Amino acid sequence: MALFFPEVHHRLDYSKAKLLMQEQLVDIVGREARTLDMLIEAQLLGEDIFVLLHFEPQSYNDRFFPERMFIYFSRLFEKYRITHKQIIPVAIFTGQSAARQPSGLVMGLPGTSEEVLRFRYLKVELIKRNWREFAESDNPVAAALLAKMGYNRKERRELRFAYLRMLLRIKDKLDPARLALVMAVADLYFEPTPEEDIDILQEMRETAPDEEALLMELMPAWKRWGYEEGMEKGIEQGIEKGIEKGIEKGIERGAEEERRAVVRKLASKGLGLEEIAEILDLPLPEVRRLNADT
């Protein structure tokens, strides 16, 4: 909310916020149940008004998505209309095709200009956001989602470099677990190649050795291992070849570990495997394998 909807964010009091994960809403006749991706309870600053923030990520084009958001809103309103005065639905579109989704649901009388319903939700279309606008942000959400924003092939390396600098800025604001989660999500979206990170680390070593040392502290153990192994082999076989081999091996192993950690983290919060697959843009069989691996 702070990153994309600051005006709303500044009206909210998060001091007593509650995360209501896996809120399930059943229709009137009980034939269908729908589960929300994320529901948060907060309060309006200076007022005795409770607010429900409903976040729904969407990675693919779905013509029924506006209807689904309206159904969620209706059921939340029915359930909480006495205790909560505001319900704020937010749709986060992470895929390119999903960005073409409308901002709400409109129903009218055929052949007339009369409307019987106009429902809207707050919408974030990441692909339409220029990553440069967020590259100087200290918001960890910006770091995690930077690779899902709009950029072209020529800007890919520059974006990766900006993301790594963001990590250096926010590292003291987050505990190790949250920082690791930000890095894991960002790498799932960006899918960096060993060659790209080798090149960036080499530039950091030459132009800003202090930053390169700090970045090595932030890197997960698997990536440090791969980098250091590459350095050792580089001494024996040639620095460039050794670093590349070591980092590639470390990154390949680490990417697998990061995916497994993120999948299990989300599953521990009560999310179903199909929901996790949609959120992370991974095939369902892959999510099942990562969740089952020991």
C-alpha atoms as a PDB file:
ATOM      1  CA  MET A   1       0.000   0.000   0.000  1.00  0.00           C
ATOM      2  CA  ALA A   2       2.858   2.391   0.823  1.00  0.00           C
ATOM      3  CA  LEU A   3       4.491   1.694  -2.527  1.00  0.00           C
ATOM      4  CA  PHE A   4       1.527   1.885  -4.900  1.00  0.00           C
ATOM      5  CA  PHE A   5      -1.277   3.638  -2.981  1.00  0.00           C
ATOM      6  CA  PRO A   6       0.418   6.115  -0.615  1.00  0.00           C
ATOM      7  CA  GLU A   7      -2.718   8.233  -0.110  1.00  0.00           C
ATOM      8  CA  VAL A   8      -4.603   5.225   1.237  1.00  0.00           C
ATOM      9  CA  HIS A   9      -1.572   4.008   3.148  1.00  0.00           C
ATOM     10  CA  HIS A  10      -1.258   7.248   5.123  1.00  0.00           C
ATOM     11  CA  ARG A  11      -4.867   6.908   6.314  1.00  0.00           C
ATOM     12  CA  LEU A  12      -4.331   3.438   7.783  1.00  0.00           C
ATOM     13  CA  ASP A  13      -3.218   2.454  11.268  1.00  0.00           C
ATOM     14  CA  TYR A  14      -1.262  -0.816  11.100  1.00  0.00           C
ATOM     15  CA  SER A  15      -0.333  -0.920  14.791  1.00  0.00           C
ATOM     16  CA  LYS A  16      -3.058  -3.493  15.495  1.00  0.00           C
ATOM     17  CA  ALA A  17      -3.232  -5.035  12.046  1.00  0.00           C
ATOM     18  CA  LYS A  18      -4.147  -8.704  11.769  1.00  0.00           C
ATOM     19  CA  LEU A  19      -3.347 -11.028   8.918  1.00  0.00           C
ATOM     20  CA  LEU A  20      -6.414 -13.185   8.236  1.00  0.00           C
ATOM     21  CA  MET A  21      -4.883 -15.821   6.003  1.00  0.00           C
ATOM     22  CA  GLN A  22      -6.996 -18.229   4.000  1.00  0.00           C
ATOM     23  CA  GLU A  23     -10.307 -16.531   4.741  1.00  0.00           C
ATOM     24  CA  GLN A  24     -12.927 -18.847   3.262  1.00  0.00           C
ATOM     25  CA  LEU A  25     -16.270 -17.538   2.054  1.00  0.00           C
ATOM     26  CA  VAL A  26     -19.121 -19.873   1.219  1.00  0.00           C
ATOM     27  CA  ASP A  27     -22.051 -18.907  -0.955  1.00  0.00           C
ATOM     28  CA  ILE A  28     -25.613 -18.735   0.334  1.00  0.00           C
ATOM     29  CA  VAL A  29     -26.581 -22.295  -0.550  1.00  0.00           C
ATOM     30  CA  GLY A  30     -23.221 -23.732   0.455  1.00  0.00           C
ATOM     31  CA  ARG A  31     -22.380 -25.265  -2.916  1.00  0.00           C
ATOM     32  CA  GLU A  32     -19.225 -23.307  -3.523  1.00  0.00           C
ATOM     33  CA  ALA A  33     -16.376 -22.058  -1.367  1.00  0.00           C
ATOM     34  CA  ARG A  34     -13.794 -19.478  -2.393  1.00  0.00           C
ATOM     35  CA  THR A  35     -10.569 -18.745  -0.595  1.00  0.00           C
ATOM     36  CA  LEU A  36      -8.985 -15.291  -0.552  1.00  0.00           C
ATOM     37  CA  ASP A  37      -5.275 -14.940  -1.247  1.00  0.00           C
ATOM     38  CA  MET A  38      -4.676 -12.379   1.508  1.00  0.00           C
ATOM     39  CA  LEU A  39      -6.924 -10.502   3.889  1.00  0.00           C
ATOM     40  CA  ILE A  40      -5.662  -7.909   6.373  1.00  0.00           C
ATOM     41  CA  GLU A  41      -7.571  -6.089   9.095  1.00  0.00           C
ATOM     42  CA  ALA A  42      -6.442  -2.539   9.924  1.00  0.00           C
ATOM     43  CA  GLN A  43      -7.961   0.673  11.272  1.00  0.00           C
ATOM     44  CA  LEU A  44      -8.376   4.205   9.962  1.00  0.00           C
ATOM     45  CA  LEU A  45      -6.128   6.666  11.734  1.00  0.00           C
ATOM     46  CA  GLY A  46      -7.966   8.773  14.299  1.00  0.00           C
ATOM     47  CA  GLU A  47     -11.277   7.016  13.709  1.00  0.00           C
ATOM     48  CA  ASP A  48     -13.054   4.043  15.204  1.00  0.00           C
ATOM     49  CA  ILE A  49     -13.403   2.437  11.798  1.00  0.00           C
ATOM     50  CA  PHE A  50     -11.962  -0.954  10.918  1.00  0.00           C
ATOM     51  CA  VAL A  51     -10.843  -1.713   7.379  1.00  0.00           C
ATOM     52  CA  LEU A  52     -10.429  -4.969   5.485  1.00  0.00           C
ATOM     53  CA  LEU A  53      -7.674  -4.994   2.872  1.00  0.00           C
ATOM     54  CA  HIS A  54      -8.166  -7.783   0.355  1.00  0.00           C
ATOM     55  CA  PHE A  55      -5.165  -8.496  -1.894  1.00  0.00           C
ATOM     56  CA  GLU A  56      -5.553 -10.762  -4.917  1.00  0.00           C
ATOM     57  CA  PRO A  57      -2.516 -11.438  -7.180  1.00  0.00           C
ATOM     58  CA  GLN A  58      -3.223 -12.458 -10.767  1.00  0.00           C
ATOM     59  CA  SER A  59      -0.578 -13.683 -13.225  1.00  0.00           C
ATOM     60  CA  TYR A  60      -2.682 -14.572 -16.280  1.00  0.00           C
ATOM     61  CA  ASN A  61      -5.580 -13.191 -18.287  1.00  0.00           C
ATOM     62  CA  ASP A  62      -8.948 -14.281 -16.898  1.00  0.00           C
ATOM     63  CA  ARG A  63     -12.133 -12.748 -18.248  1.00  0.00           C
ATOM     64  CA  PHE A  64     -13.981 -13.818 -15.113  1.00  0.00           C
ATOM     65  CA  PHE A  65     -11.549 -12.081 -12.759  1.00  0.00           C
ATOM     66  CA  PRO A  66     -13.711  -8.936 -12.240  1.00  0.00           C
ATOM     67  CA  GLU A  67     -16.687 -11.153 -11.398  1.00  0.00           C
ATOM     68  CA  ARG A  68     -14.569 -13.090  -8.918  1.00  0.00           C
ATOM     69  CA  MET A  69     -13.431  -9.868  -7.238  1.00  0.00           C
ATOM     70  CA  PHE A  70     -17.052  -8.719  -6.954  1.00  0.00           C
ATOM     71  CA  ILE A  71     -18.100 -12.041  -5.427  1.00  0.00           C
ATOM     72  CA  TYR A  72     -15.263 -11.770  -2.895  1.00  0.00           C
ATOM     73  CA  PHE A  73     -16.285  -8.207  -2.046  1.00  0.00           C
ATOM     74  CA  SER A  74     -19.956  -9.141  -1.696  1.00  0.00           C
ATOM     75  CA  ARG A  75     -19.243 -12.020   0.648  1.00  0.00           C
ATOM     76  CA  LEU A  76     -16.850  -9.943   2.733  1.00  0.00           C
ATOM     77  CA  PHE A  77     -19.454  -7.194   2.959  1.00  0.00           C
ATOM     78  CA  GLU A  78     -22.109  -9.678   4.019  1.00  0.00           C
ATOM     79  CA  LYS A  79     -19.877 -11.152   6.704  1.00  0.00           C
ATOM     80  CA  TYR A  80     -18.258  -7.973   8.062  1.00  0.00           C
ATOM     81  CA  ARG A  81     -20.760  -5.201   7.348  1.00  0.00           C
ATOM     82  CA  ILE A  82     -21.531  -4.755  11.061  1.00  0.00           C
ATOM     83  CA  THR A  83     -17.971  -4.699  12.409  1.00  0.00           C
ATOM     84  CA  HIS A  84     -16.112  -3.092   9.494  1.00  0.00           C
ATOM     85  CA  LYS A  85     -16.997   0.097   7.647  1.00  0.00           C
ATOM     86  CA  GLN A  86     -14.544  -0.182   4.779  1.00  0.00           C
ATOM     87  CA  ILE A  87     -13.477  -2.973   2.455  1.00  0.00           C
ATOM     88  CA  ILE A  88     -10.604  -2.153   0.085  1.00  0.00           C
ATOM     89  CA  PRO A  89     -10.088  -4.710  -2.690  1.00  0.00           C
ATOM     90  CA  VAL A  90      -6.672  -4.626  -4.417  1.00  0.00           C
ATOM     91  CA  ALA A  91      -5.745  -6.571  -7.551  1.00  0.00           C
ATOM     92  CA  ILE A  92      -2.057  -7.087  -8.319  1.00  0.00           C
ATOM     93  CA  PHE A  93      -1.389  -8.139 -11.905  1.00  0.00           C
ATOM     94  CA  THR A  94       2.049  -9.728 -12.225  1.00  0.00           C
ATOM     95  CA  GLY A  95       1.910 -11.122 -15.776  1.00  0.00           C
ATOM     96  CA  GLN A  96       1.960  -9.371 -19.137  1.00  0.00           C
ATOM     97  CA  SER A  97      -1.382 -10.772 -20.300  1.00  0.00           C
ATOM     98  CA  ALA A  98      -3.040 -10.063 -16.951  1.00  0.00           C
ATOM     99  CA  ALA A  99      -2.278  -6.352 -17.356  1.00  0.00           C
ATOM    100  CA  ARG A 100      -5.140  -6.068 -19.847  1.00  0.00           C
ATOM    101  CA  GLN A 101      -7.705  -6.838 -17.179  1.00  0.00           C
ATOM    102  CA  PRO A 102     -10.377  -4.186 -16.462  1.00  0.00           C
ATOM    103  CA  SER A 103     -10.523  -2.263 -13.188  1.00  0.00           C
ATOM    104  CA  GLY A 104     -13.921  -3.509 -12.142  1.00  0.00           C
ATOM    105  CA  LEU A 105     -17.310  -4.872 -13.105  1.00  0.00           C
ATOM    106  CA  VAL A 106     -20.079  -2.903 -14.772  1.00  0.00           C
ATOM    107  CA  MET A 107     -23.614  -4.151 -15.448  1.00  0.00           C
ATOM    108  CA  GLY A 108     -26.201  -2.230 -17.402  1.00  0.00           C
ATOM    109  CA  LEU A 109     -29.553  -2.647 -19.058  1.00  0.00           C
ATOM    110  CA  PRO A 110     -29.112  -3.791 -22.681  1.00  0.00           C
ATOM    111  CA  GLY A 111     -29.983  -1.126 -25.214  1.00  0.00           C
ATOM    112  CA  THR A 112     -29.907   1.691 -22.656  1.00  0.00           C
ATOM    113  CA  SER A 113     -27.357   3.833 -20.856  1.00  0.00           C
ATOM    114  CA  GLU A 114     -28.727   2.775 -17.481  1.00  0.00           C
ATOM    115  CA  GLU A 115     -26.320   1.075 -15.082  1.00  0.00           C
ATOM    116  CA  VAL A 116     -27.420  -1.263 -12.346  1.00  0.00           C
ATOM    117  CA  LEU A 117     -23.950  -1.955 -10.965  1.00  0.00           C
ATOM    118  CA  ARG A 118     -20.517  -0.315 -11.021  1.00  0.00           C
ATOM    119  CA  PHE A 119     -17.917  -2.085  -8.898  1.00  0.00           C
ATOM    120  CA  ARG A 120     -14.259  -1.071  -8.914  1.00  0.00           C
ATOM    121  CA  TYR A 121     -11.113  -2.241  -7.175  1.00  0.00           C
ATOM    122  CA  LEU A 122      -7.655  -0.752  -6.780  1.00  0.00           C
ATOM    123  CA  LYS A 123      -5.373  -2.145  -9.447  1.00  0.00           C
ATOM    124  CA  VAL A 124      -1.604  -2.525  -9.804  1.00  0.00           C
ATOM    125  CA  GLU A 125      -0.350  -3.470 -13.272  1.00  0.00           C
ATOM    126  CA  LEU A 126       3.337  -4.147 -12.715  1.00  0.00           C
ATOM    127  CA  ILE A 127       4.202  -4.423 -16.406  1.00  0.00           C
ATOM    128  CA  LYS A 128       3.002  -0.843 -16.912  1.00  0.00           C
ATOM    129  CA  ARG A 129       5.198   0.529 -14.135  1.00  0.00           C
ATOM    130  CA  ASN A 130       8.610   1.831 -15.182  1.00  0.00           C
ATOM    131  CA  TRP A 131      11.200   0.149 -13.009  1.00  0.00           C
ATOM    132  CA  ARG A 132      13.308   3.316 -12.920  1.00  0.00           C
ATOM    133  CA  GLU A 133      10.625   5.050 -10.858  1.00  0.00           C
ATOM    134  CA  PHE A 134      11.178   2.505  -8.075  1.00  0.00           C
ATOM    135  CA  ALA A 135      14.938   1.865  -8.358  1.00  0.00           C
ATOM    136  CA  GLU A 136      15.745   4.384  -5.608  1.00  0.00           C
ATOM    137  CA  SER A 137      13.019   3.157  -3.269  1.00  0.00           C
ATOM    138  CA  ASP A 138      13.857   1.677   0.123  1.00  0.00           C
ATOM    139  CA  ASN A 139      10.617  -0.297   0.149  1.00  0.00           C
ATOM    140  CA  PRO A 140      11.409  -4.052   0.184  1.00  0.00           C
ATOM    141  CA  VAL A 141       8.301  -4.738  -1.912  1.00  0.00           C
ATOM    142  CA  ALA A 142       9.847  -2.645  -4.693  1.00  0.00           C
ATOM    143  CA  ALA A 143      12.983  -4.776  -4.580  1.00  0.00           C
ATOM    144  CA  ALA A 144      11.005  -8.020  -4.709  1.00  0.00           C
ATOM    145  CA  LEU A 145       8.806  -6.894  -7.621  1.00  0.00           C
ATOM    146  CA  LEU A 146      11.280  -4.807  -9.651  1.00  0.00           C
ATOM    147  CA  ALA A 147      11.852  -7.599 -12.179  1.00  0.00           C
ATOM    148  CA  LYS A 148       8.102  -7.778 -12.904  1.00  0.00           C
ATOM    149  CA  MET A 149       7.933  -4.132 -13.933  1.00  0.00           C
ATOM    150  CA  GLY A 150       8.348  -2.771 -17.439  1.00  0.00           C
ATOM    151  CA  TYR A 151      11.830  -2.950 -18.956  1.00  0.00           C
ATOM    152  CA  ASN A 152      13.377  -3.957 -22.260  1.00  0.00           C
ATOM    153  CA  ARG A 153      16.165  -6.413 -23.018  1.00  0.00           C
ATOM    154  CA  LYS A 154      18.831  -3.683 -23.130  1.00  0.00           C
ATOM    155  CA  GLU A 155      17.865  -2.552 -19.624  1.00  0.00           C
ATOM    156  CA  ARG A 156      18.013  -6.021 -18.059  1.00  0.00           C
ATOM    157  CA  ARG A 157      21.563  -5.726 -16.732  1.00  0.00           C
ATOM    158  CA  GLU A 158      20.970  -2.194 -15.475  1.00  0.00           C
ATOM    159  CA  LEU A 159      17.831  -3.352 -13.664  1.00  0.00           C
ATOM    160  CA  ARG A 160      19.704  -6.216 -12.011  1.00  0.00           C
ATOM    161  CA  PHE A 161      22.433  -3.829 -10.899  1.00  0.00           C
ATOM    162  CA  ALA A 162      19.840  -1.432  -9.453  1.00  0.00           C
ATOM    163  CA  TYR A 163      18.169  -4.304  -7.582  1.00  0.00           C
ATOM    164  CA  LEU A 164      21.447  -5.355  -5.960  1.00  0.00           C
ATOM    165  CA  ARG A 165      22.052  -1.787  -4.839  1.00  0.00           C
ATOM    166  CA  MET A 166      18.536  -1.758  -3.346  1.00  0.00           C
ATOM    167  CA  LEU A 167      19.483  -4.764  -1.240  1.00  0.00           C
ATOM    168  CA  LEU A 168      22.432  -2.850   0.161  1.00  0.00           C
ATOM    169  CA  ARG A 169      20.140   0.012   1.182  1.00  0.00           C
ATOM    170  CA  ILE A 170      17.449  -2.079   2.868  1.00  0.00           C
ATOM    171  CA  LYS A 171      19.612  -4.743   4.501  1.00  0.00           C
ATOM    172  CA  ASP A 172      19.632  -2.990   7.899  1.00  0.00           C
ATOM    173  CA  LYS A 173      15.855  -2.434   7.878  1.00  0.00           C
ATOM    174  CA  LEU A 174      14.880  -6.106   7.643  1.00  0.00           C
ATOM    175  CA  ASP A 175      15.640  -9.166   9.701  1.00  0.00           C
ATOM    176  CA  PRO A 176      17.565 -11.938   7.877  1.00  0.00           C
ATOM    177  CA  ALA A 177      14.436 -14.019   7.219  1.00  0.00           C
ATOM    178  CA  ARG A 178      12.532 -11.171   5.550  1.00  0.00           C
ATOM    179  CA  LEU A 179      15.566 -10.120   3.559  1.00  0.00           C
ATOM    180  CA  ALA A 180      16.054 -13.703   2.351  1.00  0.00           C
ATOM    181  CA  LEU A 181      12.400 -13.847   1.315  1.00  0.00           C
ATOM    182  CA  VAL A 182      12.735 -10.627  -0.701  1.00  0.00           C
ATOM    183  CA  MET A 183      15.805 -12.017  -2.471  1.00  0.00           C
ATOM    184  CA  ALA A 184      14.153 -15.361  -3.138  1.00  0.00           C
ATOM    185  CA  VAL A 185      11.040 -13.824  -4.690  1.00  0.00           C
ATOM    186  CA  ALA A 186      13.094 -11.369  -6.761  1.00  0.00           C
ATOM    187  CA  ASP A 187      15.295 -14.123  -8.184  1.00  0.00           C
ATOM    188  CA  LEU A 188      12.255 -16.254  -9.021  1.00  0.00           C
ATOM    189  CA  TYR A 189      10.928 -13.364 -11.090  1.00  0.00           C
ATOM    190  CA  PHE A 190      14.219 -12.217 -12.577  1.00  0.00           C
ATOM    191  CA  GLU A 191      15.821 -15.639 -13.188  1.00  0.00           C
ATOM    192  CA  PRO A 192      19.386 -14.305 -13.338  1.00  0.00           C
ATOM    193  CA  THR A 193      21.988 -16.188 -15.337  1.00  0.00           C
ATOM    194  CA  PRO A 194      25.419 -16.990 -13.872  1.00  0.00           C
ATOM    195  CA  GLU A 195      27.040 -14.876 -16.567  1.00  0.00           C
ATOM    196  CA  GLU A 196      25.022 -11.808 -15.599  1.00  0.00           C
ATOM    197  CA  ASP A 197      25.884 -11.996 -11.920  1.00  0.00           C
ATOM    198  CA  ILE A 198      29.541 -12.766 -12.647  1.00  0.00           C
ATOM    199  CA  ASP A 199      29.735  -9.634 -14.777  1.00  0.00           C
ATOM    200  CA  ILE A 200      28.029  -7.458 -12.168  1.00  0.00           C
ATOM    201  CA  LEU A 201      30.173  -8.754  -9.299  1.00  0.00           C
ATOM    202  CA  GLN A 202      33.289  -8.168 -11.362  1.00  0.00           C
ATOM    203  CA  GLU A 203      32.254  -4.559 -12.004  1.00  0.00           C
ATOM    204  CA  MET A 204      31.514  -4.030  -8.316  1.00  0.00           C
ATOM    205  CA  ARG A 205      34.952  -5.376  -7.434  1.00  0.00           C
ATOM    206  CA  GLU A 206      36.622  -2.943  -9.805  1.00  0.00           C
ATOM    207  CA  THR A 207      34.539   0.198  -9.231  1.00  0.00           C
ATOM    208  CA  ALA A 208      33.202  -0.147  -5.685  1.00  0.00           C
ATOM    209  CA  PRO A 209      35.016  -2.867  -3.702  1.00  0.00           C
ATOM    210  CA  ASP A 210      33.221  -1.889  -0.480  1.00  0.00           C
ATOM    211  CA  GLU A 211      29.834  -2.520  -2.098  1.00  0.00           C
ATOM    212  CA  GLU A 212      30.995  -5.851  -3.495  1.00  0.00           C
ATOM    213  CA  ALA A 213      32.061  -6.955  -0.012  1.00  0.00           C
ATOM    214  CA  LEU A 214      28.699  -5.911   1.470  1.00  0.00           C
ATOM    215  CA  LEU A 215      26.847  -7.725  -1.281  1.00  0.00           C
ATOM    216  CA  MET A 216      28.767 -10.912  -0.539  1.00  0.00           C
ATOM    217  CA  GLU A 217      27.517 -10.677   3.053  1.00  0.00           C
ATOM    218  CA  LEU A 218      23.937 -10.496   1.804  1.00  0.00           C
ATOM    219  CA  MET A 219      24.204 -13.359  -0.638  1.00  0.00           C
ATOM    220  CA  PRO A 220      22.760 -16.642   0.636  1.00  0.00           C
ATOM    221  CA  ALA A 221      25.296 -19.251   1.707  1.00  0.00           C
ATOM    222  CA  TRP A 222      24.793 -21.270  -1.481  1.00  0.00           C
ATOM    223  CA  LYS A 223      25.739 -18.334  -3.689  1.00  0.00           C
ATOM    224  CA  ARG A 224      28.756 -17.424  -1.545  1.00  0.00           C
ATOM    225  CA  TRP A 225      29.837 -21.044  -1.728  1.00  0.00           C
ATOM    226  CA  GLY A 226      29.572 -21.061  -5.488  1.00  0.00           C
ATOM    227  CA  TYR A 227      31.410 -17.765  -5.785  1.00  0.00           C
ATOM    228  CA  GLU A 228      34.200 -18.797  -3.414  1.00  0.00           C
ATOM    229  CA  GLU A 229      34.552 -22.199  -5.036  1.00  0.00           C
ATOM    230  CA  GLY A 230      34.861 -20.475  -8.345  1.00  0.00           C
ATOM    231  CA  MET A 231      37.609 -18.255  -6.954  1.00  0.00           C
ATOM    232  CA  GLU A 232      39.554 -21.270  -5.682  1.00  0.00           C
ATOM    233  CA  LYS A 233      39.282 -23.059  -8.996  1.00  0.00           C
ATOM    234  CA  GLY A 234      40.178 -19.842 -10.732  1.00  0.00           C
ATOM    235  CA  ILE A 235      43.536 -19.823  -8.949  1.00  0.00           C
ATOM    236  CA  GLU A 236      44.292 -23.286 -10.259  1.00  0.00           C
ATOM    237  CA  GLN A 237      42.673 -23.228 -13.682  1.00  0.00           C
ATOM    238  CA  GLY A 238      42.313 -19.573 -14.605  1.00  0.00           C
ATOM    239  CA  ILE A 239      40.286 -17.005 -12.694  1.00  0.00           C
ATOM    240  CA  GLU A 240      37.651 -16.311 -15.314  1.00  0.00           C
ATOM    241  CA  LYS A 241      36.878 -19.956 -16.068  1.00  0.00           C
ATOM    242  CA  GLY A 242      36.913 -20.966 -12.415  1.00  0.00           C
ATOM    243  CA  ILE A 243      34.634 -18.183 -11.206  1.00  0.00           C
ATOM    244  CA  GLU A 244      32.146 -18.912 -13.936  1.00  0.00           C
ATOM    245  CA  LYS A 245      32.049 -22.623 -13.161  1.00  0.00           C
ATOM    246  CA  GLY A 246      31.806 -22.105  -9.422  1.00  0.00           C
ATOM    247  CA  ILE A 247      29.105 -19.464  -9.561  1.00  0.00           C
ATOM    248  CA  GLU A 248      27.112 -21.395 -12.106  1.00  0.00           C
ATOM    249  CA  LYS A 249      27.152 -24.476  -9.899  1.00  0.00           C
ATOM    250  CA  GLY A 250      26.268 -22.471  -6.830  1.00  0.00           C
ATOM    251  CA  ILE A 251      23.475 -20.541  -8.528  1.00  0.00           C
ATOM    252  CA  GLU A 252      21.943 -23.680  -9.979  1.00  0.00           C
ATOM    253  CA  ARG A 253      21.919 -25.344  -6.576  1.00  0.00           C
ATOM    254  CA  GLY A 254      20.745 -22.191  -4.851  1.00  0.00           C
ATOM    255  CA  ALA A 255      17.907 -21.488  -7.263  1.00  0.00           C
ATOM    256  CA  GLU A 256      16.494 -24.895  -6.441  1.00  0.00           C
ATOM    257  CA  GLU A 257      16.869 -24.287  -2.700  1.00  0.00           C
ATOM    258  CA  GLU A 258      15.262 -20.854  -2.931  1.00  0.00           C
ATOM    259  CA  ARG A 259      12.259 -22.191  -4.829  1.00  0.00           C
ATOM    260  CA  ARG A 260      11.844 -24.980  -2.291  1.00  0.00           C
ATOM    261  CA  ALA A 261      12.098 -22.537   0.634  1.00  0.00           C
ATOM    262  CA  VAL A 262       9.561 -20.109  -0.819  1.00  0.00           C
ATOM    263  CA  VAL A 263       7.086 -22.873  -1.701  1.00  0.00           C
ATOM    264  CA  ARG A 264       7.280 -24.362   1.781  1.00  0.00           C
ATOM    265  CA  LYS A 265       7.016 -20.934   3.402  1.00  0.00           C
ATOM    266  CA  LEU A 266       3.821 -20.174   1.514  1.00  0.00           C
ATOM    267  CA  ALA A 267       2.433 -23.648   2.170  1.00  0.00           C
ATOM    268  CA  SER A 268       3.079 -23.214   5.897  1.00  0.00           C
ATOM    269  CA  LYS A 269       0.865 -20.110   5.781  1.00  0.00           C
ATOM    270  CA  GLY A 270      -2.038 -22.245   4.592  1.00  0.00           C
ATOM    271  CA  LEU A 271      -1.898 -21.549   0.851  1.00  0.00           C
ATOM    272  CA  GLY A 272      -2.871 -24.381  -1.451  1.00  0.00           C
ATOM    273  CA  LEU A 273      -0.384 -25.696  -4.002  1.00  0.00           C
ATOM    274  CA  GLU A 274      -2.463 -24.405  -6.922  1.00  0.00           C
ATOM    275  CA  GLU A 275      -2.467 -20.917  -5.397  1.00  0.00           C
ATOM    276  CA  ILE A 276       1.293 -21.096  -4.849  1.00  0.00           C
ATOM    277  CA  ALA A 277       1.817 -22.158  -8.462  1.00  0.00           C
ATOM    278  CA  GLU A 278      -0.195 -19.157  -9.650  1.00  0.00           C
ATOM    279  CA  ILE A 279       1.564 -16.683  -7.356  1.00  0.00           C
ATOM    280  CA  LEU A 280       5.076 -17.867  -8.298  1.00  0.00           C
ATOM    281  CA  ASP A 281       4.345 -18.526 -11.992  1.00  0.00           C
ATOM    282  CA  LEU A 282       5.533 -22.129 -11.627  1.00  0.00           C
ATOM    283  CA  PRO A 283       3.960 -25.304 -13.070  1.00  0.00           C
ATOM    284  CA  LEU A 284       1.818 -27.120 -10.521  1.00  0.00           C
ATOM    285  CA  PRO A 285       3.849 -30.393 -10.816  1.00  0.00           C
ATOM    286  CA  GLU A 286       7.007 -28.396 -10.041  1.00  0.00           C
ATOM    287  CA  VAL A 287       5.387 -26.878  -6.946  1.00  0.00           C
ATOM    288  CA  ARG A 288       4.285 -30.326  -5.793  1.00  0.00           C
ATOM    289  CA  ARG A 289       7.815 -31.670  -6.238  1.00  0.00           C
ATOM    290  CA  LEU A 290       9.407 -28.777  -4.345  1.00  0.00           C
ATOM    291  CA  ASN A 291       6.907 -29.120  -1.506  1.00  0.00           C
ATOM    292  CA  ALA A 292       7.453 -32.888  -1.288  1.00  0.00           C
ATOM    293  CA  ASP A 293      11.262 -32.935  -1.525  1.00  0.00           C
ATOM    294  CA  THR A 294      13.146 -33.580   1.670  1.00  0.00           C
END
